[in-house]
Amino acid sequence: MNKTELVAAMAEKAGLSKVDAGKALNAYIDVVKEQLAKGEKVSLIGFGTFGVVDRPARTGRNPRTGKTIKIAAKRSAKFKAGKGLI
């Protein structure tokens, strides 16, 4: 399911227009991005939790050449599914 299909399904389930459902989905995505940028968690009981993980710097290997390379530290988003999701 892509974003357009998700918006259509949300609109049908909630009795909204596709435009309003699209605005709601975009607002939700924006809020989650803002909270993750601050390092905060976003928890939806029964669905799951969005969070941020700090990954330390490490060494890896280039699979083509076999040479050791340095992989920089970074922050990445994670999602942990809730028990009621599936």
PDB file of N, CA and C in Angstrom:
ATOM      1  N   MET A   1       0.853  -1.169   0.000  1.00  0.00           N
ATOM      2  CA  MET A   1       0.000   0.000   0.000  1.00  0.00           C
ATOM      3  C   MET A   1       0.899   1.233   0.000  1.00  0.00           C
ATOM      4  N   ASN A   2       0.641   2.144  -0.923  1.00  0.00           N
ATOM      5  CA  ASN A   2       1.414   3.379  -0.964  1.00  0.00           C
ATOM      6  C   ASN A   2       0.631   4.498  -0.265  1.00  0.00           C
ATOM      7  N   LYS A   3       1.193   5.681  -0.248  1.00  0.00           N
ATOM      8  CA  LYS A   3       0.581   6.790   0.481  1.00  0.00           C
ATOM      9  C   LYS A   3      -0.795   7.157  -0.078  1.00  0.00           C
ATOM     10  N   THR A   4      -0.947   7.163  -1.388  1.00  0.00           N
ATOM     11  CA  THR A   4      -2.232   7.500  -2.005  1.00  0.00           C
ATOM     12  C   THR A   4      -3.308   6.502  -1.596  1.00  0.00           C
ATOM     13  N   GLU A   5      -2.960   5.225  -1.605  1.00  0.00           N
ATOM     14  CA  GLU A   5      -3.908   4.199  -1.198  1.00  0.00           C
ATOM     15  C   GLU A   5      -4.242   4.299   0.287  1.00  0.00           C
ATOM     16  N   LEU A   6      -3.243   4.642   1.098  1.00  0.00           N
ATOM     17  CA  LEU A   6      -3.468   4.826   2.532  1.00  0.00           C
ATOM     18  C   LEU A   6      -4.415   5.988   2.783  1.00  0.00           C
ATOM     19  N   VAL A   7      -4.214   7.100   2.098  1.00  0.00           N
ATOM     20  CA  VAL A   7      -5.095   8.265   2.244  1.00  0.00           C
ATOM     21  C   VAL A   7      -6.519   7.897   1.847  1.00  0.00           C
ATOM     22  N   ALA A   8      -6.682   7.167   0.759  1.00  0.00           N
ATOM     23  CA  ALA A   8      -8.015   6.764   0.314  1.00  0.00           C
ATOM     24  C   ALA A   8      -8.681   5.859   1.350  1.00  0.00           C
ATOM     25  N   ALA A   9      -7.936   4.918   1.915  1.00  0.00           N
ATOM     26  CA  ALA A   9      -8.487   4.022   2.926  1.00  0.00           C
ATOM     27  C   ALA A   9      -8.854   4.782   4.196  1.00  0.00           C
ATOM     28  N   MET A  10      -8.008   5.729   4.600  1.00  0.00           N
ATOM     29  CA  MET A  10      -8.302   6.550   5.784  1.00  0.00           C
ATOM     30  C   MET A  10      -9.555   7.376   5.555  1.00  0.00           C
ATOM     31  N   ALA A  11      -9.680   7.965   4.386  1.00  0.00           N
ATOM     32  CA  ALA A  11     -10.837   8.793   4.068  1.00  0.00           C
ATOM     33  C   ALA A  11     -12.122   7.972   4.134  1.00  0.00           C
ATOM     34  N   GLU A  12     -12.068   6.773   3.591  1.00  0.00           N
ATOM     35  CA  GLU A  12     -13.255   5.917   3.593  1.00  0.00           C
ATOM     36  C   GLU A  12     -13.638   5.490   5.003  1.00  0.00           C
ATOM     37  N   LYS A  13     -12.638   5.077   5.796  1.00  0.00           N
ATOM     38  CA  LYS A  13     -12.907   4.607   7.158  1.00  0.00           C
ATOM     39  C   LYS A  13     -13.411   5.716   8.062  1.00  0.00           C
ATOM     40  N   ALA A  14     -12.851   6.924   7.924  1.00  0.00           N
ATOM     41  CA  ALA A  14     -13.195   8.031   8.819  1.00  0.00           C
ATOM     42  C   ALA A  14     -14.330   8.889   8.290  1.00  0.00           C
ATOM     43  N   GLY A  15     -14.768   8.628   7.075  1.00  0.00           N
ATOM     44  CA  GLY A  15     -15.832   9.441   6.504  1.00  0.00           C
ATOM     45  C   GLY A  15     -15.373  10.846   6.168  1.00  0.00           C
ATOM     46  N   LEU A  16     -14.128  10.970   5.752  1.00  0.00           N
ATOM     47  CA  LEU A  16     -13.537  12.260   5.384  1.00  0.00           C
ATOM     48  C   LEU A  16     -13.330  12.322   3.882  1.00  0.00           C
ATOM     49  N   SER A  17     -13.066  13.516   3.405  1.00  0.00           N
ATOM     50  CA  SER A  17     -12.656  13.632   2.007  1.00  0.00           C
ATOM     51  C   SER A  17     -11.195  13.193   1.918  1.00  0.00           C
ATOM     52  N   LYS A  18     -10.771  12.845   0.717  1.00  0.00           N
ATOM     53  CA  LYS A  18      -9.375  12.444   0.530  1.00  0.00           C
ATOM     54  C   LYS A  18      -8.436  13.597   0.851  1.00  0.00           C
ATOM     55  N   VAL A  19      -8.863  14.826   0.565  1.00  0.00           N
ATOM     56  CA  VAL A  19      -8.036  16.003   0.858  1.00  0.00           C
ATOM     57  C   VAL A  19      -7.823  16.137   2.360  1.00  0.00           C
ATOM     58  N   ASP A  20      -8.908  15.992   3.142  1.00  0.00           N
ATOM     59  CA  ASP A  20      -8.798  16.099   4.596  1.00  0.00           C
ATOM     60  C   ASP A  20      -7.982  14.956   5.182  1.00  0.00           C
ATOM     61  N   ALA A  21      -8.178  13.754   4.673  1.00  0.00           N
ATOM     62  CA  ALA A  21      -7.402  12.603   5.142  1.00  0.00           C
ATOM     63  C   ALA A  21      -5.924  12.793   4.812  1.00  0.00           C
ATOM     64  N   GLY A  22      -5.628  13.340   3.636  1.00  0.00           N
ATOM     65  CA  GLY A  22      -4.243  13.619   3.253  1.00  0.00           C
ATOM     66  C   GLY A  22      -3.604  14.652   4.164  1.00  0.00           C
ATOM     67  N   LYS A  23      -4.366  15.690   4.509  1.00  0.00           N
ATOM     68  CA  LYS A  23      -3.857  16.716   5.433  1.00  0.00           C
ATOM     69  C   LYS A  23      -3.580  16.113   6.805  1.00  0.00           C
ATOM     70  N   ALA A  24      -4.490  15.249   7.267  1.00  0.00           N
ATOM     71  CA  ALA A  24      -4.306  14.612   8.572  1.00  0.00           C
ATOM     72  C   ALA A  24      -3.069  13.719   8.570  1.00  0.00           C
ATOM     73  N   LEU A  25      -2.875  12.937   7.520  1.00  0.00           N
ATOM     74  CA  LEU A  25      -1.711  12.062   7.430  1.00  0.00           C
ATOM     75  C   LEU A  25      -0.424  12.876   7.370  1.00  0.00           C
ATOM     76  N   ASN A  26      -0.407  13.930   6.570  1.00  0.00           N
ATOM     77  CA  ASN A  26       0.783  14.783   6.481  1.00  0.00           C
ATOM     78  C   ASN A  26       1.090  15.452   7.815  1.00  0.00           C
ATOM     79  N   ALA A  27       0.053  15.882   8.532  1.00  0.00           N
ATOM     80  CA  ALA A  27       0.254  16.496   9.848  1.00  0.00           C
ATOM     81  C   ALA A  27       0.843  15.474  10.817  1.00  0.00           C
ATOM     82  N   TYR A  28       0.337  14.249  10.784  1.00  0.00           N
ATOM     83  CA  TYR A  28       0.853  13.192  11.647  1.00  0.00           C
ATOM     84  C   TYR A  28       2.334  12.927  11.351  1.00  0.00           C
ATOM     85  N   ILE A  29       2.664  12.807  10.085  1.00  0.00           N
ATOM     86  CA  ILE A  29       4.055  12.561   9.700  1.00  0.00           C
ATOM     87  C   ILE A  29       4.954  13.704  10.153  1.00  0.00           C
ATOM     88  N   ASP A  30       4.503  14.942   9.990  1.00  0.00           N
ATOM     89  CA  ASP A  30       5.289  16.104  10.409  1.00  0.00           C
ATOM     90  C   ASP A  30       5.532  16.104  11.912  1.00  0.00           C
ATOM     91  N   VAL A  31       4.501  15.788  12.695  1.00  0.00           N
ATOM     92  CA  VAL A  31       4.640  15.765  14.155  1.00  0.00           C
ATOM     93  C   VAL A  31       5.616  14.677  14.579  1.00  0.00           C
ATOM     94  N   VAL A  32       5.513  13.498  13.981  1.00  0.00           N
ATOM     95  CA  VAL A  32       6.434  12.412  14.324  1.00  0.00           C
ATOM     96  C   VAL A  32       7.865  12.808  13.977  1.00  0.00           C
ATOM     97  N   LYS A  33       8.084  13.407  12.808  1.00  0.00           N
ATOM     98  CA  LYS A  33       9.428  13.856  12.423  1.00  0.00           C
ATOM     99  C   LYS A  33       9.982  14.876  13.413  1.00  0.00           C
ATOM    100  N   GLU A  34       9.155  15.845  13.800  1.00  0.00           N
ATOM    101  CA  GLU A  34       9.600  16.877  14.740  1.00  0.00           C
ATOM    102  C   GLU A  34      10.000  16.277  16.082  1.00  0.00           C
ATOM    103  N   GLN A  35       9.199  15.346  16.583  1.00  0.00           N
ATOM    104  CA  GLN A  35       9.503  14.728  17.874  1.00  0.00           C
ATOM    105  C   GLN A  35      10.759  13.872  17.796  1.00  0.00           C
ATOM    106  N   LEU A  36      10.933  13.131  16.713  1.00  0.00           N
ATOM    107  CA  LEU A  36      12.136  12.319  16.560  1.00  0.00           C
ATOM    108  C   LEU A  36      13.374  13.195  16.432  1.00  0.00           C
ATOM    109  N   ALA A  37      13.245  14.341  15.762  1.00  0.00           N
ATOM    110  CA  ALA A  37      14.382  15.262  15.632  1.00  0.00           C
ATOM    111  C   ALA A  37      14.808  15.789  17.005  1.00  0.00           C
ATOM    112  N   LYS A  38      13.863  15.910  17.917  1.00  0.00           N
ATOM    113  CA  LYS A  38      14.155  16.352  19.286  1.00  0.00           C
ATOM    114  C   LYS A  38      14.680  15.218  20.153  1.00  0.00           C
ATOM    115  N   GLY A  39      14.628  13.991  19.640  1.00  0.00           N
ATOM    116  CA  GLY A  39      15.062  12.832  20.409  1.00  0.00           C
ATOM    117  C   GLY A  39      13.960  12.232  21.258  1.00  0.00           C
ATOM    118  N   GLU A  40      12.729  12.638  21.042  1.00  0.00           N
ATOM    119  CA  GLU A  40      11.581  12.151  21.813  1.00  0.00           C
ATOM    120  C   GLU A  40      11.003  10.887  21.177  1.00  0.00           C
ATOM    121  N   LYS A  41      10.220  10.149  21.960  1.00  0.00           N
ATOM    122  CA  LYS A  41       9.510   8.969  21.467  1.00  0.00           C
ATOM    123  C   LYS A  41       8.072   9.354  21.158  1.00  0.00           C
ATOM    124  N   VAL A  42       7.473   8.633  20.234  1.00  0.00           N
ATOM    125  CA  VAL A  42       6.055   8.777  19.929  1.00  0.00           C
ATOM    126  C   VAL A  42       5.443   7.392  20.090  1.00  0.00           C
ATOM    127  N   SER A  43       4.566   7.232  21.100  1.00  0.00           N
ATOM    128  CA  SER A  43       3.957   5.935  21.402  1.00  0.00           C
ATOM    129  C   SER A  43       2.478   5.953  21.086  1.00  0.00           C
ATOM    130  N   LEU A  44       2.034   4.955  20.362  1.00  0.00           N
ATOM    131  CA  LEU A  44       0.620   4.750  20.087  1.00  0.00           C
ATOM    132  C   LEU A  44       0.263   3.384  20.656  1.00  0.00           C
ATOM    133  N   ILE A  45      -0.441   3.372  21.777  1.00  0.00           N
ATOM    134  CA  ILE A  45      -0.768   2.128  22.460  1.00  0.00           C
ATOM    135  C   ILE A  45      -1.559   1.227  21.515  1.00  0.00           C
ATOM    136  N   GLY A  46      -1.133  -0.009  21.437  1.00  0.00           N
ATOM    137  CA  GLY A  46      -1.769  -0.977  20.561  1.00  0.00           C
ATOM    138  C   GLY A  46      -1.202  -0.983  19.153  1.00  0.00           C
ATOM    139  N   PHE A  47      -0.398   0.016  18.811  1.00  0.00           N
ATOM    140  CA  PHE A  47       0.208   0.081  17.479  1.00  0.00           C
ATOM    141  C   PHE A  47       1.710  -0.090  17.565  1.00  0.00           C
ATOM    142  N   GLY A  48       2.387   0.828  18.274  1.00  0.00           N
ATOM    143  CA  GLY A  48       3.828   0.733  18.411  1.00  0.00           C
ATOM    144  C   GLY A  48       4.445   2.042  18.848  1.00  0.00           C
ATOM    145  N   THR A  49       5.769   2.066  18.862  1.00  0.00           N
ATOM    146  CA  THR A  49       6.528   3.220  19.319  1.00  0.00           C
ATOM    147  C   THR A  49       7.591   3.583  18.304  1.00  0.00           C
ATOM    148  N   PHE A  50       7.629   4.864  17.954  1.00  0.00           N
ATOM    149  CA  PHE A  50       8.687   5.404  17.116  1.00  0.00           C
ATOM    150  C   PHE A  50       9.727   6.002  18.050  1.00  0.00           C
ATOM    151  N   GLY A  51      10.993   5.764  17.788  1.00  0.00           N
ATOM    152  CA  GLY A  51      12.055   6.298  18.626  1.00  0.00           C
ATOM    153  C   GLY A  51      13.306   6.565  17.806  1.00  0.00           C
ATOM    154  N   VAL A  52      14.344   7.027  18.501  1.00  0.00           N
ATOM    155  CA  VAL A  52      15.617   7.347  17.869  1.00  0.00           C
ATOM    156  C   VAL A  52      16.707   6.513  18.527  1.00  0.00           C
ATOM    157  N   VAL A  53      17.607   5.992  17.712  1.00  0.00           N
ATOM    158  CA  VAL A  53      18.732   5.213  18.197  1.00  0.00           C
ATOM    159  C   VAL A  53      20.018   5.909  17.766  1.00  0.00           C
ATOM    160  N   ASP A  54      20.959   6.040  18.700  1.00  0.00           N
ATOM    161  CA  ASP A  54      22.279   6.562  18.361  1.00  0.00           C
ATOM    162  C   ASP A  54      23.178   5.379  18.041  1.00  0.00           C
ATOM    163  N   ARG A  55      23.658   5.338  16.813  1.00  0.00           N
ATOM    164  CA  ARG A  55      24.544   4.251  16.392  1.00  0.00           C
ATOM    165  C   ARG A  55      25.993   4.745  16.475  1.00  0.00           C
ATOM    166  N   PRO A  56      26.833   4.035  17.208  1.00  0.00           N
ATOM    167  CA  PRO A  56      28.223   4.483  17.352  1.00  0.00           C
ATOM    168  C   PRO A  56      29.027   4.291  16.071  1.00  0.00           C
ATOM    169  N   ALA A  57      30.147   4.984  15.989  1.00  0.00           N
ATOM    170  CA  ALA A  57      31.063   4.796  14.858  1.00  0.00           C
ATOM    171  C   ALA A  57      31.620   3.376  14.929  1.00  0.00           C
ATOM    172  N   ARG A  58      31.902   2.808  13.766  1.00  0.00           N
ATOM    173  CA  ARG A  58      32.414   1.446  13.728  1.00  0.00           C
ATOM    174  C   ARG A  58      33.228   1.237  12.465  1.00  0.00           C
ATOM    175  N   THR A  59      33.882   0.110  12.411  1.00  0.00           N
ATOM    176  CA  THR A  59      34.615  -0.235  11.199  1.00  0.00           C
ATOM    177  C   THR A  59      33.839  -1.313  10.460  1.00  0.00           C
ATOM    178  N   GLY A  60      33.935  -1.280   9.148  1.00  0.00           N
ATOM    179  CA  GLY A  60      33.271  -2.259   8.319  1.00  0.00           C
ATOM    180  C   GLY A  60      34.181  -2.662   7.182  1.00  0.00           C
ATOM    181  N   ARG A  61      33.658  -3.443   6.264  1.00  0.00           N
ATOM    182  CA  ARG A  61      34.440  -3.879   5.113  1.00  0.00           C
ATOM    183  C   ARG A  61      33.702  -3.558   3.832  1.00  0.00           C
ATOM    184  N   ASN A  62      34.458  -3.082   2.856  1.00  0.00           N
ATOM    185  CA  ASN A  62      33.913  -2.892   1.525  1.00  0.00           C
ATOM    186  C   ASN A  62      33.789  -4.287   0.914  1.00  0.00           C
ATOM    187  N   PRO A  63      32.568  -4.716   0.590  1.00  0.00           N
ATOM    188  CA  PRO A  63      32.421  -6.084   0.083  1.00  0.00           C
ATOM    189  C   PRO A  63      33.087  -6.317  -1.268  1.00  0.00           C
ATOM    190  N   ARG A  64      33.263  -5.264  -2.037  1.00  0.00           N
ATOM    191  CA  ARG A  64      33.876  -5.416  -3.352  1.00  0.00           C
ATOM    192  C   ARG A  64      35.389  -5.593  -3.259  1.00  0.00           C
ATOM    193  N   THR A  65      36.030  -4.776  -2.391  1.00  0.00           N
ATOM    194  CA  THR A  65      37.497  -4.813  -2.317  1.00  0.00           C
ATOM    195  C   THR A  65      38.016  -5.537  -1.085  1.00  0.00           C
ATOM    196  N   GLY A  66      37.183  -5.664  -0.048  1.00  0.00           N
ATOM    197  CA  GLY A  66      37.631  -6.299   1.187  1.00  0.00           C
ATOM    198  C   GLY A  66      38.381  -5.366   2.101  1.00  0.00           C
ATOM    199  N   LYS A  67      38.571  -4.103   1.695  1.00  0.00           N
ATOM    200  CA  LYS A  67      39.297  -3.141   2.518  1.00  0.00           C
ATOM    201  C   LYS A  67      38.444  -2.693   3.704  1.00  0.00           C
ATOM    202  N   THR A  68      39.120  -2.396   4.810  1.00  0.00           N
ATOM    203  CA  THR A  68      38.443  -1.886   6.002  1.00  0.00           C
ATOM    204  C   THR A  68      38.081  -0.428   5.782  1.00  0.00           C
ATOM    205  N   ILE A  69      36.863  -0.069   6.179  1.00  0.00           N
ATOM    206  CA  ILE A  69      36.414   1.323   6.062  1.00  0.00           C
ATOM    207  C   ILE A  69      35.849   1.765   7.402  1.00  0.00           C
ATOM    208  N   LYS A  70      35.833   3.069   7.614  1.00  0.00           N
ATOM    209  CA  LYS A  70      35.252   3.638   8.831  1.00  0.00           C
ATOM    210  C   LYS A  70      33.822   4.061   8.520  1.00  0.00           C
ATOM    211  N   ILE A  71      32.903   3.656   9.375  1.00  0.00           N
ATOM    212  CA  ILE A  71      31.496   4.044   9.247  1.00  0.00           C
ATOM    213  C   ILE A  71      31.213   5.037  10.370  1.00  0.00           C
ATOM    214  N   ALA A  72      30.754   6.227   9.994  1.00  0.00           N
ATOM    215  CA  ALA A  72      30.553   7.301  10.960  1.00  0.00           C
ATOM    216  C   ALA A  72      29.375   7.004  11.887  1.00  0.00           C
ATOM    217  N   ALA A  73      29.409   7.617  13.064  1.00  0.00           N
ATOM    218  CA  ALA A  73      28.289   7.527  13.997  1.00  0.00           C
ATOM    219  C   ALA A  73      27.107   8.289  13.413  1.00  0.00           C
ATOM    220  N   LYS A  74      25.901   7.816  13.723  1.00  0.00           N
ATOM    221  CA  LYS A  74      24.722   8.515  13.227  1.00  0.00           C
ATOM    222  C   LYS A  74      23.521   8.195  14.095  1.00  0.00           C
ATOM    223  N   ARG A  75      22.482   9.004  13.921  1.00  0.00           N
ATOM    224  CA  ARG A  75      21.201   8.765  14.582  1.00  0.00           C
ATOM    225  C   ARG A  75      20.248   8.210  13.537  1.00  0.00           C
ATOM    226  N   SER A  76      19.451   7.237  13.932  1.00  0.00           N
ATOM    227  CA  SER A  76      18.476   6.708  12.991  1.00  0.00           C
ATOM    228  C   SER A  76      17.156   6.446  13.718  1.00  0.00           C
ATOM    229  N   ALA A  77      16.091   6.454  12.943  1.00  0.00           N
ATOM    230  CA  ALA A  77      14.767   6.209  13.497  1.00  0.00           C
ATOM    231  C   ALA A  77      14.540   4.709  13.619  1.00  0.00           C
ATOM    232  N   LYS A  78      13.739   4.336  14.610  1.00  0.00           N
ATOM    233  CA  LYS A  78      13.378   2.933  14.761  1.00  0.00           C
ATOM    234  C   LYS A  78      11.897   2.857  15.080  1.00  0.00           C
ATOM    235  N   PHE A  79      11.306   1.706  14.817  1.00  0.00           N
ATOM    236  CA  PHE A  79       9.912   1.465  15.149  1.00  0.00           C
ATOM    237  C   PHE A  79       9.827   0.130  15.847  1.00  0.00           C
ATOM    238  N   LYS A  80       9.185   0.115  17.005  1.00  0.00           N
ATOM    239  CA  LYS A  80       8.967  -1.128  17.734  1.00  0.00           C
ATOM    240  C   LYS A  80       7.478  -1.396  17.729  1.00  0.00           C
ATOM    241  N   ALA A  81       7.076  -2.499  17.129  1.00  0.00           N
ATOM    242  CA  ALA A  81       5.664  -2.836  17.013  1.00  0.00           C
ATOM    243  C   ALA A  81       5.075  -3.179  18.368  1.00  0.00           C
ATOM    244  N   GLY A  82       3.849  -2.730  18.598  1.00  0.00           N
ATOM    245  CA  GLY A  82       3.139  -3.058  19.821  1.00  0.00           C
ATOM    246  C   GLY A  82       2.557  -4.463  19.742  1.00  0.00           C
ATOM    247  N   LYS A  83       2.167  -5.003  20.894  1.00  0.00           N
ATOM    248  CA  LYS A  83       1.631  -6.365  20.941  1.00  0.00           C
ATOM    249  C   LYS A  83       0.328  -6.497  20.155  1.00  0.00           C
ATOM    250  N   GLY A  84      -0.456  -5.435  20.082  1.00  0.00           N
ATOM    251  CA  GLY A  84      -1.739  -5.512  19.409  1.00  0.00           C
ATOM    252  C   GLY A  84      -1.695  -5.239  17.917  1.00  0.00           C
ATOM    253  N   LEU A  85      -0.500  -5.051  17.362  1.00  0.00           N
ATOM    254  CA  LEU A  85      -0.392  -4.670  15.942  1.00  0.00           C
ATOM    255  C   LEU A  85      -0.812  -5.799  15.014  1.00  0.00           C
ATOM    256  N   ILE A  86      -0.331  -6.987  15.265  1.00  0.00           N
ATOM    257  CA  ILE A  86      -0.659  -8.099  14.355  1.00  0.00           C
ATOM    258  C   ILE A  86      -1.415  -9.180  15.122  1.00  0.00           C
TER     259      ILE A  86
END
